Amino acid sequence: MLLKSRMSDLTFVVRKSDRGWIIRSQGLLGEGAIGLRLAKGTELPDIGIQFDTKEEADLVCENWKQWYHGQPYLKKKQKALKYIA
């Protein structure tokens, strides 16, 4: 079985921290902090990652998902592969 890794498989999750609730990125390789590597040449939005309530963090988590999946490098169409038999 072959696993196909795609950057668009990234999602965002809300976790409890010692200072409230924090939003983290989660992909095939595990969880990580939200940082510049997600922007890949664009600007990181000023949405926020740390909140006092879980409800507020859940709402903002949806904003992160929309921002990430709207990035230009995820919307590029890939060339169709030609198979020669």
C-alpha atoms as a PDB file:
ATOM      1  CA  MET A   1       0.000   0.000   0.000  1.00  0.00           C
ATOM      2  CA  LEU A   2       1.358   3.388  -0.985  1.00  0.00           C
ATOM      3  CA  LEU A   3       0.640   6.497   1.097  1.00  0.00           C
ATOM      4  CA  LYS A   4       0.459   9.765  -0.765  1.00  0.00           C
ATOM      5  CA  SER A   5       1.549  12.742   1.346  1.00  0.00           C
ATOM      6  CA  ARG A   6      -0.073  16.083   0.557  1.00  0.00           C
ATOM      7  CA  MET A   7       0.339  19.437   2.292  1.00  0.00           C
ATOM      8  CA  SER A   8      -3.403  20.029   1.995  1.00  0.00           C
ATOM      9  CA  ASP A   9      -3.909  17.233   4.552  1.00  0.00           C
ATOM     10  CA  LEU A  10      -2.898  19.752   7.221  1.00  0.00           C
ATOM     11  CA  THR A  11      -5.576  20.791   9.684  1.00  0.00           C
ATOM     12  CA  PHE A  12      -5.748  22.857  12.859  1.00  0.00           C
ATOM     13  CA  VAL A  13      -6.657  21.673  16.345  1.00  0.00           C
ATOM     14  CA  VAL A  14      -7.340  23.323  19.715  1.00  0.00           C
ATOM     15  CA  ARG A  15      -5.346  22.110  22.718  1.00  0.00           C
ATOM     16  CA  LYS A  16      -5.361  23.019  26.409  1.00  0.00           C
ATOM     17  CA  SER A  17      -2.178  24.736  27.594  1.00  0.00           C
ATOM     18  CA  ASP A  18      -1.018  26.165  30.900  1.00  0.00           C
ATOM     19  CA  ARG A  19      -2.047  29.661  29.688  1.00  0.00           C
ATOM     20  CA  GLY A  20      -5.489  28.823  28.271  1.00  0.00           C
ATOM     21  CA  TRP A  21      -6.279  27.306  24.879  1.00  0.00           C
ATOM     22  CA  ILE A  22      -3.886  27.236  21.931  1.00  0.00           C
ATOM     23  CA  ILE A  23      -4.326  26.452  18.228  1.00  0.00           C
ATOM     24  CA  ARG A  24      -1.793  24.078  16.651  1.00  0.00           C
ATOM     25  CA  SER A  25      -1.290  22.660  13.183  1.00  0.00           C
ATOM     26  CA  GLN A  26      -1.665  18.914  12.706  1.00  0.00           C
ATOM     27  CA  GLY A  27      -0.524  16.881   9.730  1.00  0.00           C
ATOM     28  CA  LEU A  28       0.680  13.440   8.786  1.00  0.00           C
ATOM     29  CA  LEU A  29       3.865  13.874  10.812  1.00  0.00           C
ATOM     30  CA  GLY A  30       2.124  15.065  13.976  1.00  0.00           C
ATOM     31  CA  GLU A  31       1.373  18.369  15.665  1.00  0.00           C
ATOM     32  CA  GLY A  32       3.375  21.545  15.531  1.00  0.00           C
ATOM     33  CA  ALA A  33       3.245  25.198  16.406  1.00  0.00           C
ATOM     34  CA  ILE A  34       1.770  27.625  13.893  1.00  0.00           C
ATOM     35  CA  GLY A  35       4.607  29.527  12.256  1.00  0.00           C
ATOM     36  CA  LEU A  36       6.045  31.017   9.102  1.00  0.00           C
ATOM     37  CA  ARG A  37       6.608  27.636   7.443  1.00  0.00           C
ATOM     38  CA  LEU A  38       2.848  27.484   6.818  1.00  0.00           C
ATOM     39  CA  ALA A  39       2.881  30.753   4.832  1.00  0.00           C
ATOM     40  CA  LYS A  40       5.473  29.608   2.232  1.00  0.00           C
ATOM     41  CA  GLY A  41       6.213  32.997   0.697  1.00  0.00           C
ATOM     42  CA  THR A  42       3.003  34.731   1.694  1.00  0.00           C
ATOM     43  CA  GLU A  43       2.366  36.660   4.873  1.00  0.00           C
ATOM     44  CA  LEU A  44       1.172  34.960   8.041  1.00  0.00           C
ATOM     45  CA  PRO A  45      -2.181  36.474   9.096  1.00  0.00           C
ATOM     46  CA  ASP A  46      -2.692  38.146  12.451  1.00  0.00           C
ATOM     47  CA  ILE A  47      -5.508  35.810  13.507  1.00  0.00           C
ATOM     48  CA  GLY A  48      -4.172  34.759  16.911  1.00  0.00           C
ATOM     49  CA  ILE A  49      -3.264  31.390  18.396  1.00  0.00           C
ATOM     50  CA  GLN A  50      -3.846  31.700  22.151  1.00  0.00           C
ATOM     51  CA  PHE A  51      -7.238  32.232  23.806  1.00  0.00           C
ATOM     52  CA  ASP A  52      -8.884  32.187  27.220  1.00  0.00           C
ATOM     53  CA  THR A  53     -11.912  30.071  26.277  1.00  0.00           C
ATOM     54  CA  LYS A  54     -12.222  26.920  24.182  1.00  0.00           C
ATOM     55  CA  GLU A  55     -15.248  28.314  22.335  1.00  0.00           C
ATOM     56  CA  GLU A  56     -13.278  31.337  21.144  1.00  0.00           C
ATOM     57  CA  ALA A  57     -10.356  29.127  20.098  1.00  0.00           C
ATOM     58  CA  ASP A  58     -12.697  26.807  18.141  1.00  0.00           C
ATOM     59  CA  LEU A  59     -14.144  29.761  16.214  1.00  0.00           C
ATOM     60  CA  VAL A  60     -10.710  31.134  15.315  1.00  0.00           C
ATOM     61  CA  CYS A  61      -9.489  27.644  14.396  1.00  0.00           C
ATOM     62  CA  GLU A  62     -11.960  27.734  11.479  1.00  0.00           C
ATOM     63  CA  ASN A  63     -10.347  31.015  10.301  1.00  0.00           C
ATOM     64  CA  TRP A  64      -6.938  29.309  10.262  1.00  0.00           C
ATOM     65  CA  LYS A  65      -8.339  26.433   8.190  1.00  0.00           C
ATOM     66  CA  GLN A  66      -9.867  28.839   5.660  1.00  0.00           C
ATOM     67  CA  TRP A  67      -6.663  30.864   5.421  1.00  0.00           C
ATOM     68  CA  TYR A  68      -4.410  27.836   4.987  1.00  0.00           C
ATOM     69  CA  HIS A  69      -6.534  26.075   2.369  1.00  0.00           C
ATOM     70  CA  GLY A  70      -6.821  29.351   0.435  1.00  0.00           C
ATOM     71  CA  GLN A  71      -3.038  29.637  -0.072  1.00  0.00           C
ATOM     72  CA  PRO A  72      -1.935  29.997  -3.710  1.00  0.00           C
ATOM     73  CA  TYR A  73       0.510  27.071  -3.590  1.00  0.00           C
ATOM     74  CA  LEU A  74      -2.311  24.722  -2.604  1.00  0.00           C
ATOM     75  CA  LYS A  75      -4.507  25.893  -5.463  1.00  0.00           C
ATOM     76  CA  LYS A  76      -1.956  25.271  -8.221  1.00  0.00           C
ATOM     77  CA  LYS A  77      -3.178  22.760 -10.734  1.00  0.00           C
ATOM     78  CA  GLN A  78      -0.797  19.901 -11.218  1.00  0.00           C
ATOM     79  CA  LYS A  79       0.078  18.818 -14.717  1.00  0.00           C
ATOM     80  CA  ALA A  80      -1.595  15.643 -15.833  1.00  0.00           C
ATOM     81  CA  LEU A  81       0.818  12.764 -15.971  1.00  0.00           C
ATOM     82  CA  LYS A  82       1.039  10.962 -19.287  1.00  0.00           C
ATOM     83  CA  TYR A  83       1.486   7.239 -19.129  1.00  0.00           C
ATOM     84  CA  ILE A  84       3.086   5.533 -22.044  1.00  0.00           C
ATOM     85  CA  ALA A  85       2.376   1.836 -22.264  1.00  0.00           C
END
